[in-house]
C-alpha cells in the first residue's frame, strides 16, 4: 500500500469521471514504494462495480493521460499479468 501515491491520485486535477478516479486511486493504493502495481481486472471491476471492459477502457484513458504507465514486471512469476507504474498523478 502506498499512501504517497494514493494521496497524489486523490489530488489529480484531471477531468476524470468517478469510475476513472476510483480505478486510479485503487491502482495507487495497491502500488509498492516504486509505484509498481499488478492490477487484477476482475478485482478492479468488482471494486468499482463495473464490467471488465469498462476497466479496460479506464486503464487505456489513464495511460493516455499519463496518470499510469506500462512497466516491465520485475518478478518472473508476475509476467502473466500486466504491470503498471503509478506516476504519482503528475497530469
N, C-alpha and C. Protein backbone atom coordinates (compact mmCIF):
# COMPACT_ATOMS: atom_id res chain seq x y z
N UNK A 1 0.84 -1.17 0.00
CA UNK A 1 0.00 0.00 0.00
C UNK A 1 0.89 1.23 0.00
N UNK A 2 0.56 2.17 -0.86
CA UNK A 2 1.34 3.40 -0.94
C UNK A 2 0.45 4.60 -0.63
N UNK A 3 0.63 5.14 0.55
CA UNK A 3 -0.15 6.34 0.89
C UNK A 3 0.32 7.53 0.07
N UNK A 4 1.59 7.53 -0.31
CA UNK A 4 2.11 8.64 -1.12
C UNK A 4 1.40 8.69 -2.46
N UNK A 5 1.34 7.56 -3.17
CA UNK A 5 0.69 7.53 -4.47
C UNK A 5 -0.82 7.71 -4.35
N UNK A 6 -1.39 7.19 -3.28
CA UNK A 6 -2.83 7.37 -3.07
C UNK A 6 -3.16 8.84 -2.88
N UNK A 7 -2.39 9.51 -2.06
CA UNK A 7 -2.60 10.94 -1.81
C UNK A 7 -2.47 11.73 -3.11
N UNK A 8 -1.46 11.41 -3.90
CA UNK A 8 -1.27 12.10 -5.18
C UNK A 8 -2.43 11.83 -6.14
N UNK A 9 -2.90 10.58 -6.19
CA UNK A 9 -4.01 10.24 -7.08
C UNK A 9 -5.28 10.98 -6.68
N UNK A 10 -5.50 11.13 -5.38
CA UNK A 10 -6.69 11.87 -4.92
C UNK A 10 -6.60 13.35 -5.28
N UNK A 11 -5.40 13.85 -5.43
CA UNK A 11 -5.22 15.27 -5.75
C UNK A 11 -5.12 15.58 -7.23
N UNK A 12 -5.27 14.58 -8.09
CA UNK A 12 -5.18 14.81 -9.54
C UNK A 12 -6.29 15.75 -9.97
N UNK A 13 -5.92 16.75 -10.75
CA UNK A 13 -6.90 17.75 -11.20
C UNK A 13 -7.41 17.49 -12.61
N UNK A 14 -7.07 16.33 -13.17
CA UNK A 14 -7.57 15.97 -14.50
C UNK A 14 -9.08 15.81 -14.45
N UNK A 15 -9.71 16.02 -15.58
CA UNK A 15 -11.17 15.88 -15.68
C UNK A 15 -11.50 14.39 -15.81
N UNK A 16 -11.68 13.74 -14.67
CA UNK A 16 -11.96 12.31 -14.65
C UNK A 16 -13.38 12.03 -14.18
N UNK A 17 -13.97 11.00 -14.77
CA UNK A 17 -15.26 10.52 -14.27
C UNK A 17 -15.01 9.80 -12.96
N UNK A 18 -16.04 9.58 -12.19
CA UNK A 18 -15.90 8.94 -10.88
C UNK A 18 -15.26 7.57 -10.99
N UNK A 19 -15.66 6.76 -11.96
CA UNK A 19 -15.10 5.42 -12.10
C UNK A 19 -13.61 5.49 -12.46
N UNK A 20 -13.22 6.47 -13.24
CA UNK A 20 -11.81 6.63 -13.62
C UNK A 20 -10.98 7.01 -12.40
N UNK A 21 -11.49 7.91 -11.60
CA UNK A 21 -10.78 8.31 -10.39
C UNK A 21 -10.71 7.14 -9.40
N UNK A 22 -11.78 6.37 -9.31
CA UNK A 22 -11.80 5.23 -8.39
C UNK A 22 -10.75 4.19 -8.79
N UNK A 23 -10.66 3.89 -10.07
CA UNK A 23 -9.65 2.93 -10.55
C UNK A 23 -8.26 3.49 -10.32
N UNK A 24 -8.04 4.77 -10.60
CA UNK A 24 -6.74 5.40 -10.38
C UNK A 24 -6.34 5.31 -8.91
N UNK A 25 -7.25 5.61 -8.02
CA UNK A 25 -6.94 5.55 -6.58
C UNK A 25 -6.68 4.11 -6.16
N UNK A 26 -7.44 3.18 -6.69
CA UNK A 26 -7.22 1.77 -6.35
C UNK A 26 -5.83 1.31 -6.82
N UNK A 27 -5.45 1.70 -8.02
CA UNK A 27 -4.12 1.36 -8.52
C UNK A 27 -3.03 1.98 -7.64
N UNK A 28 -3.21 3.24 -7.30
CA UNK A 28 -2.22 3.94 -6.47
C UNK A 28 -2.13 3.30 -5.10
N UNK A 29 -3.27 2.93 -4.55
CA UNK A 29 -3.31 2.32 -3.22
C UNK A 29 -2.58 0.98 -3.19
N UNK A 30 -2.65 0.23 -4.29
CA UNK A 30 -2.02 -1.09 -4.33
C UNK A 30 -0.57 -1.03 -4.82
N UNK A 31 -0.08 0.16 -5.15
CA UNK A 31 1.29 0.30 -5.64
C UNK A 31 2.31 0.12 -4.53
N UNK A 32 3.44 -0.42 -4.92
CA UNK A 32 4.55 -0.55 -3.98
C UNK A 32 5.31 0.76 -3.88
N UNK A 33 6.38 0.79 -3.11
CA UNK A 33 7.17 2.02 -2.93
C UNK A 33 7.71 2.58 -4.25
N UNK A 34 7.90 1.69 -5.24
CA UNK A 34 8.40 2.14 -6.54
C UNK A 34 7.28 2.52 -7.50
N UNK A 35 6.03 2.47 -7.03
CA UNK A 35 4.88 2.81 -7.85
C UNK A 35 4.38 1.66 -8.69
N UNK A 36 5.02 0.51 -8.61
CA UNK A 36 4.66 -0.64 -9.43
C UNK A 36 3.44 -1.35 -8.86
N UNK A 37 2.49 -1.67 -9.75
CA UNK A 37 1.28 -2.37 -9.33
C UNK A 37 0.90 -3.39 -10.39
N UNK A 38 0.31 -4.48 -9.96
CA UNK A 38 -0.11 -5.56 -10.85
C UNK A 38 -1.62 -5.73 -10.70
N UNK A 39 -2.40 -4.88 -11.37
CA UNK A 39 -3.84 -4.91 -11.14
C UNK A 39 -4.51 -6.15 -11.71
N UNK A 40 -5.46 -6.64 -11.00
CA UNK A 40 -6.30 -7.73 -11.45
C UNK A 40 -7.59 -7.08 -11.95
N UNK A 41 -7.86 -7.22 -13.24
CA UNK A 41 -9.01 -6.55 -13.85
C UNK A 41 -10.31 -6.95 -13.17
N UNK A 42 -10.45 -8.22 -12.82
CA UNK A 42 -11.67 -8.66 -12.14
C UNK A 42 -11.83 -7.96 -10.79
N UNK A 43 -10.74 -7.83 -10.07
CA UNK A 43 -10.80 -7.17 -8.76
C UNK A 43 -11.11 -5.68 -8.91
N UNK A 44 -10.49 -5.03 -9.91
CA UNK A 44 -10.79 -3.62 -10.16
C UNK A 44 -12.26 -3.44 -10.54
N UNK A 45 -12.76 -4.34 -11.39
CA UNK A 45 -14.16 -4.26 -11.82
C UNK A 45 -15.10 -4.42 -10.64
N UNK A 46 -14.80 -5.37 -9.76
CA UNK A 46 -15.64 -5.58 -8.58
C UNK A 46 -15.58 -4.38 -7.65
N UNK A 47 -14.39 -3.82 -7.45
CA UNK A 47 -14.24 -2.67 -6.55
C UNK A 47 -15.00 -1.45 -7.07
N UNK A 48 -15.02 -1.29 -8.40
CA UNK A 48 -15.68 -0.13 -8.99
C UNK A 48 -17.13 -0.43 -9.39
N UNK A 49 -17.55 -1.70 -9.24
CA UNK A 49 -18.90 -2.12 -9.61
C UNK A 49 -19.20 -1.84 -11.08
N UNK A 50 -18.22 -2.20 -11.93
CA UNK A 50 -18.35 -2.03 -13.38
C UNK A 50 -17.87 -3.30 -14.06
N UNK A 51 -18.01 -3.35 -15.37
CA UNK A 51 -17.59 -4.53 -16.13
C UNK A 51 -16.08 -4.51 -16.39
N UNK A 52 -15.57 -5.66 -16.77
CA UNK A 52 -14.16 -5.77 -17.14
C UNK A 52 -13.83 -4.86 -18.31
N UNK A 53 -14.75 -4.77 -19.28
CA UNK A 53 -14.49 -3.92 -20.45
C UNK A 53 -14.41 -2.45 -20.06
N UNK A 54 -15.21 -2.03 -19.08
CA UNK A 54 -15.13 -0.65 -18.60
C UNK A 54 -13.77 -0.40 -17.95
N UNK A 55 -13.30 -1.36 -17.16
CA UNK A 55 -11.98 -1.22 -16.53
C UNK A 55 -10.90 -1.11 -17.60
N UNK A 56 -10.99 -1.91 -18.65
CA UNK A 56 -10.02 -1.85 -19.73
C UNK A 56 -10.01 -0.48 -20.40
N UNK A 57 -11.20 0.08 -20.62
CA UNK A 57 -11.30 1.43 -21.20
C UNK A 57 -10.70 2.47 -20.26
N UNK A 58 -10.97 2.33 -18.98
CA UNK A 58 -10.44 3.27 -17.98
C UNK A 58 -8.92 3.19 -17.95
N UNK A 59 -8.37 1.98 -17.96
CA UNK A 59 -6.92 1.83 -17.96
C UNK A 59 -6.29 2.50 -19.18
N UNK A 60 -6.93 2.33 -20.36
CA UNK A 60 -6.42 2.98 -21.57
C UNK A 60 -6.42 4.50 -21.41
N UNK A 61 -7.50 5.04 -20.84
CA UNK A 61 -7.57 6.50 -20.66
C UNK A 61 -6.50 6.98 -19.68
N UNK A 62 -6.33 6.26 -18.58
CA UNK A 62 -5.32 6.65 -17.60
C UNK A 62 -3.92 6.61 -18.21
N UNK A 63 -3.68 5.64 -19.09
CA UNK A 63 -2.41 5.57 -19.81
C UNK A 63 -2.25 6.78 -20.74
N UNK A 64 -3.31 7.09 -21.49
CA UNK A 64 -3.26 8.23 -22.42
C UNK A 64 -3.01 9.54 -21.68
N UNK A 65 -3.58 9.68 -20.49
CA UNK A 65 -3.40 10.91 -19.71
C UNK A 65 -2.06 10.95 -18.99
N UNK A 66 -1.34 9.85 -19.00
CA UNK A 66 -0.06 9.79 -18.33
C UNK A 66 -0.16 9.63 -16.82
N UNK A 67 -1.32 9.21 -16.35
CA UNK A 67 -1.52 9.02 -14.91
C UNK A 67 -0.97 7.68 -14.44
N UNK A 68 -0.86 6.74 -15.36
CA UNK A 68 -0.17 5.47 -15.13
C UNK A 68 0.62 5.17 -16.40
N UNK A 69 1.59 4.30 -16.30
CA UNK A 69 2.37 3.89 -17.47
C UNK A 69 2.62 2.40 -17.40
N UNK A 70 2.85 1.79 -18.58
CA UNK A 70 3.20 0.38 -18.61
C UNK A 70 4.57 0.22 -17.98
N UNK A 71 4.74 -0.87 -17.28
CA UNK A 71 6.04 -1.17 -16.65
C UNK A 71 6.34 -2.64 -16.85
N UNK A 72 7.61 -2.94 -16.97
CA UNK A 72 8.02 -4.34 -17.09
C UNK A 72 8.01 -4.98 -15.71
N UNK A 73 7.35 -6.11 -15.56
CA UNK A 73 7.35 -6.78 -14.26
C UNK A 73 8.77 -7.16 -13.85
N UNK A 74 9.09 -6.94 -12.61
CA UNK A 74 10.43 -7.24 -12.12
C UNK A 74 10.50 -8.62 -11.47
N UNK A 75 9.36 -9.26 -11.32
CA UNK A 75 9.30 -10.60 -10.74
C UNK A 75 8.98 -11.59 -11.85
N UNK A 76 9.74 -12.67 -11.98
CA UNK A 76 9.47 -13.64 -13.05
C UNK A 76 8.06 -14.23 -12.99
N UNK A 77 7.54 -14.47 -11.81
CA UNK A 77 6.20 -15.07 -11.70
C UNK A 77 5.09 -14.06 -11.98
N UNK A 78 5.42 -12.79 -12.13
CA UNK A 78 4.41 -11.77 -12.39
C UNK A 78 4.23 -11.52 -13.88
N UNK A 79 4.96 -12.22 -14.71
CA UNK A 79 4.94 -11.97 -16.15
C UNK A 79 3.57 -12.21 -16.78
N UNK A 80 2.73 -13.02 -16.17
CA UNK A 80 1.43 -13.32 -16.74
C UNK A 80 0.46 -12.14 -16.64
N UNK A 81 0.70 -11.22 -15.70
CA UNK A 81 -0.18 -10.08 -15.53
C UNK A 81 0.51 -8.81 -15.97
N UNK A 82 -0.26 -7.87 -16.47
CA UNK A 82 0.30 -6.59 -16.88
C UNK A 82 0.74 -5.82 -15.64
N UNK A 83 1.84 -5.14 -15.80
CA UNK A 83 2.33 -4.30 -14.72
C UNK A 83 2.17 -2.84 -15.13
N UNK A 84 1.79 -2.03 -14.17
CA UNK A 84 1.66 -0.59 -14.38
C UNK A 84 2.47 0.11 -13.32
N UNK A 85 2.87 1.32 -13.60
CA UNK A 85 3.54 2.13 -12.61
C UNK A 85 2.71 3.39 -12.41
N UNK A 86 2.36 3.65 -11.17
CA UNK A 86 1.65 4.88 -10.84
C UNK A 86 2.65 6.03 -11.02
N UNK A 87 2.25 7.04 -11.75
CA UNK A 87 3.17 8.16 -12.00
C UNK A 87 3.05 9.22 -10.92
N UNK A 88 2.18 9.01 -10.00
CA UNK A 88 2.03 9.99 -8.91
C UNK A 88 1.06 11.11 -9.25
N UNK A 89 0.31 10.96 -10.31
CA UNK A 89 -0.68 11.98 -10.64
C UNK A 89 -0.06 13.29 -11.06
N UNK A 90 0.92 13.21 -11.94
CA UNK A 90 1.58 14.43 -12.40
C UNK A 90 0.84 15.11 -13.53
N UNK A 91 -0.34 14.61 -13.90
CA UNK A 91 -1.08 15.21 -15.01
C UNK A 91 -1.89 16.40 -14.55
